[in-house]
N, C-alpha and C. Protein backbone atom coordinates (compact mmCIF):
# COMPACT_ATOMS: atom_id res chain seq x y z
N MET A 1 1.24 -11.09 9.19
CA MET A 1 1.98 -9.29 8.58
C MET A 1 3.54 -10.25 7.81
N ILE A 2 3.95 -10.86 8.94
CA ILE A 2 5.25 -12.01 7.66
C ILE A 2 5.48 -11.62 6.38
N TYR A 3 4.46 -12.43 6.32
CA TYR A 3 3.74 -12.78 4.90
C TYR A 3 4.00 -12.19 4.04
N LEU A 4 2.55 -11.02 4.44
CA LEU A 4 2.88 -10.33 3.89
C LEU A 4 4.10 -9.20 3.64
N ALA A 5 4.68 -9.16 4.44
CA ALA A 5 5.94 -8.31 4.15
C ALA A 5 7.26 -8.91 3.22
N LEU A 6 6.87 -10.04 3.54
CA LEU A 6 7.63 -10.38 2.51
C LEU A 6 7.00 -11.04 0.74
N LYS A 7 5.75 -10.77 0.87
CA LYS A 7 5.15 -10.93 -0.58
C LYS A 7 4.88 -9.26 -1.23
N ILE A 8 5.21 -8.31 -0.57
CA ILE A 8 5.82 -7.21 -0.81
C ILE A 8 7.78 -7.36 -1.29
N VAL A 9 7.76 -7.67 -0.63
CA VAL A 9 9.78 -7.50 -1.21
C VAL A 9 9.70 -8.39 -2.19
N GLU A 10 8.98 -9.71 -2.70
CA GLU A 10 8.93 -9.94 -3.82
C GLU A 10 8.58 -9.89 -4.74
N PHE A 11 7.04 -9.02 -4.31
CA PHE A 11 6.93 -8.08 -5.95
C PHE A 11 7.48 -7.04 -6.43
N GLU A 12 8.12 -6.03 -5.47
CA GLU A 12 9.47 -5.26 -5.06
C GLU A 12 10.41 -5.74 -6.27
N ALA A 13 10.82 -7.39 -5.89
CA ALA A 13 12.56 -7.75 -6.77
C ALA A 13 11.75 -8.35 -8.00
N CYS A 14 9.93 -8.65 -8.57
CA CYS A 14 10.30 -8.68 -9.47
C CYS A 14 9.60 -7.79 -10.71
N ARG A 15 9.58 -6.37 -10.01
CA ARG A 15 8.16 -5.78 -10.76
C ARG A 15 9.91 -5.02 -12.36
N SER A 16 8.50 -4.40 -12.51
CA SER A 16 9.99 -4.11 -14.04
C SER A 16 9.16 -2.87 -14.52
N ARG A 17 10.15 -1.54 -14.73
CA ARG A 17 8.94 0.08 -15.70
C ARG A 17 8.38 -0.72 -16.29
N GLU A 18 8.60 -1.48 -17.59
CA GLU A 18 7.59 -1.70 -18.93
C GLU A 18 7.19 -2.71 -18.97
N LEU A 19 6.35 -3.12 -17.59
CA LEU A 19 5.45 -3.62 -17.17
C LEU A 19 4.80 -2.90 -16.62
N LEU A 20 3.03 -3.10 -16.44
CA LEU A 20 2.26 -2.66 -16.04
C LEU A 20 2.27 -2.87 -14.39
N ASN A 21 2.74 -2.57 -13.24
CA ASN A 21 2.96 -3.81 -12.00
C ASN A 21 1.04 -2.56 -11.86
N ILE A 22 0.49 -4.34 -10.64
CA ILE A 22 -0.77 -3.86 -9.97
C ILE A 22 0.15 -4.94 -8.96
N MET A 23 -0.84 -4.16 -7.14
CA MET A 23 -0.45 -4.96 -6.25
C MET A 23 -2.50 -4.84 -5.99
N LEU A 24 -2.48 -5.70 -5.14
CA LEU A 24 -4.00 -6.14 -5.06
C LEU A 24 -3.78 -5.95 -3.68
N ILE A 25 -4.51 -5.17 -2.49
CA ILE A 25 -4.25 -5.38 -0.72
C ILE A 25 -5.65 -5.00 -0.43
N GLU A 26 -6.56 -6.10 0.06
CA GLU A 26 -7.25 -6.53 0.86
C GLU A 26 -7.31 -6.33 2.25
N GLU A 27 -8.60 -4.85 2.51
CA GLU A 27 -8.36 -5.32 3.89
C GLU A 27 -7.55 -5.68 5.11
N PRO A 28 -6.31 -5.01 4.67
CA PRO A 28 -5.02 -4.90 5.52
C PRO A 28 -5.29 -4.90 6.93
N GLU A 29 -5.94 -4.14 7.55
CA GLU A 29 -6.48 -3.97 8.88
C GLU A 29 -7.33 -4.90 9.52
N ALA A 30 -7.38 -5.94 8.89
CA ALA A 30 -8.25 -7.52 9.38
C ALA A 30 -7.44 -7.38 10.56
N HIS A 31 -5.98 -7.96 10.74
CA HIS A 31 -5.04 -8.56 11.08
C HIS A 31 -4.07 -7.78 11.34
N ILE A 32 -3.84 -6.54 11.83
CA ILE A 32 -3.07 -5.51 11.98
C ILE A 32 -3.19 -4.66 12.65
N HIS A 33 -2.96 -4.01 13.84
CA HIS A 33 -2.28 -3.17 14.95
C HIS A 33 -2.53 -1.94 13.92
N HIS A 34 -3.46 -0.65 14.13
CA HIS A 34 -3.27 0.77 13.40
C HIS A 34 -2.21 1.06 13.68
N HIS A 35 -1.22 1.02 14.35
CA HIS A 35 0.41 1.74 14.13
C HIS A 35 0.85 0.67 12.96
N ILE A 36 0.91 -0.54 12.73
CA ILE A 36 1.45 -1.48 12.17
C ILE A 36 0.34 -1.09 10.31
N GLN A 37 -0.81 -0.68 10.71
CA GLN A 37 -1.28 -0.14 9.48
C GLN A 37 -0.67 0.87 8.65
N LYS A 38 -0.56 1.97 9.32
CA LYS A 38 -0.01 3.16 9.30
C LYS A 38 1.67 3.36 8.92
N THR A 39 2.09 2.27 9.64
CA THR A 39 3.40 1.81 8.91
C THR A 39 3.92 1.28 8.01
N LEU A 40 2.75 0.07 7.36
CA LEU A 40 2.61 -0.50 6.24
C LEU A 40 2.26 0.57 4.96
N PHE A 41 1.22 1.37 4.82
CA PHE A 41 1.00 2.34 4.10
C PHE A 41 2.19 3.42 3.91
N GLU A 42 2.38 3.42 4.25
CA GLU A 42 3.60 4.75 4.66
C GLU A 42 5.19 3.80 3.72
N GLY A 43 5.37 2.84 4.41
CA GLY A 43 5.97 2.03 3.42
C GLY A 43 6.12 1.91 2.30
N LEU A 44 4.95 1.88 1.75
CA LEU A 44 4.30 1.30 0.36
C LEU A 44 5.25 2.60 -0.93
N ASN A 45 5.74 3.95 0.05
CA ASN A 45 6.21 4.82 -0.87
C ASN A 45 6.19 4.78 -2.39
N LEU A 46 4.65 5.07 -2.51
CA LEU A 46 3.64 5.65 -2.90
C LEU A 46 4.19 6.76 -4.16
N GLN A 47 5.09 7.70 -3.36
CA GLN A 47 5.61 9.11 -4.48
C GLN A 47 6.79 8.26 -5.65
N LYS A 48 7.21 7.57 -4.98
CA LYS A 48 8.84 6.65 -6.43
C LYS A 48 8.50 5.41 -6.81
N ASN A 49 7.03 5.23 -6.22
CA ASN A 49 6.42 3.49 -6.94
C ASN A 49 5.95 3.86 -8.43
N TYR A 50 6.83 2.51 -9.37
CA TYR A 50 5.78 3.12 -10.31
C TYR A 50 5.24 1.76 -10.70
N THR A 51 3.96 1.69 -9.93
CA THR A 51 2.96 0.39 -9.73
C THR A 51 1.74 0.78 -9.00
N GLN A 52 0.54 0.47 -9.92
CA GLN A 52 -0.30 0.91 -9.43
C GLN A 52 -0.70 -0.66 -7.85
N ILE A 53 -1.30 0.75 -6.98
CA ILE A 53 -1.80 0.03 -6.11
C ILE A 53 -3.43 -0.18 -5.84
N LEU A 54 -3.84 -0.89 -5.65
CA LEU A 54 -5.59 -0.78 -5.25
C LEU A 54 -5.63 -1.79 -3.79
N MET A 55 -6.22 -0.21 -2.96
CA MET A 55 -6.19 -1.20 -1.39
C MET A 55 -8.05 -0.99 -1.35
N THR A 56 -8.20 -1.73 -0.71
CA THR A 56 -9.50 -1.89 0.21
C THR A 56 -9.43 -1.66 1.73
N THR A 57 -10.38 -1.53 1.97
CA THR A 57 -10.38 -0.76 3.74
C THR A 57 -11.42 -0.25 4.41
N HIS A 58 -11.41 -0.56 5.74
CA HIS A 58 -12.61 0.57 6.44
C HIS A 58 -11.80 1.10 7.63
N SER A 59 -10.75 1.10 7.53
CA SER A 59 -9.94 1.89 8.09
C SER A 59 -9.26 3.47 8.53
N VAL A 60 -10.22 4.09 9.53
CA VAL A 60 -10.07 5.17 9.49
C VAL A 60 -8.63 5.92 9.89
N HIS A 61 -7.61 4.83 9.89
CA HIS A 61 -6.36 4.97 10.34
C HIS A 61 -5.55 4.97 8.61
N LEU A 62 -5.67 4.14 7.88
CA LEU A 62 -5.65 4.31 6.83
C LEU A 62 -5.99 5.41 5.44
N ALA A 63 -7.04 5.36 6.01
CA ALA A 63 -8.22 6.89 5.16
C ALA A 63 -7.02 8.41 6.31
N GLU A 64 -6.60 8.50 7.25
CA GLU A 64 -5.37 9.30 7.86
C GLU A 64 -4.77 9.60 7.48
N VAL A 65 -4.24 8.79 7.23
CA VAL A 65 -2.45 8.77 6.88
C VAL A 65 -2.87 9.02 5.50
N SER A 66 -3.84 8.79 4.60
CA SER A 66 -3.10 9.12 3.26
C SER A 66 -3.61 10.17 2.99
N GLU A 67 -4.19 10.89 3.97
CA GLU A 67 -4.53 12.46 3.76
C GLU A 67 -3.12 13.47 4.16
N ASN A 68 -2.28 12.91 3.95
CA ASN A 68 -0.97 13.54 4.02
C ASN A 68 -0.21 13.21 2.48
N ILE A 69 -0.82 13.20 1.78
CA ILE A 69 0.04 12.39 0.05
C ILE A 69 -0.98 12.94 -1.14
N SER A 70 0.22 13.80 -1.88
CA SER A 70 -0.75 13.97 -2.95
C SER A 70 -2.18 13.82 -3.71
N ASP A 71 -2.75 14.29 -4.42
CA ASP A 71 -3.73 14.01 -4.82
C ASP A 71 -3.33 12.99 -5.92
N GLU A 72 -2.24 13.02 -6.53
CA GLU A 72 -1.71 12.81 -8.12
C GLU A 72 -1.33 11.25 -7.51
N CYS A 73 -0.91 11.17 -6.39
CA CYS A 73 -0.41 9.23 -6.23
C CYS A 73 -1.25 8.68 -5.18
N ILE A 74 -3.16 9.27 -4.93
CA ILE A 74 -3.58 8.23 -4.22
C ILE A 74 -5.38 9.38 -4.66
N LYS A 75 -5.69 8.40 -4.67
CA LYS A 75 -7.70 8.60 -4.91
C LYS A 75 -7.95 7.78 -4.04
N ILE A 76 -9.13 8.70 -3.21
CA ILE A 76 -9.99 7.78 -1.89
C ILE A 76 -11.29 7.58 -2.53
N VAL A 77 -12.08 6.66 -2.69
CA VAL A 77 -13.32 6.50 -3.16
C VAL A 77 -14.43 6.05 -2.43
């Protein structure tokens, strides 16, 4: 969890609006409690982020959290 948090901070520090910023997160639920999954997802701040985020998950908890975000910001496949 600490490693993932540090990588997100590093990514935020390096990103630029002029470039195409893409963050890939594969199955964050694999080693994270569902409460922390929810916090992580909300912490990505999708509304104000100029970054394309692609996340793969099997977590029902992340899907539930995503229902509260506008369709412009998130697509579930």
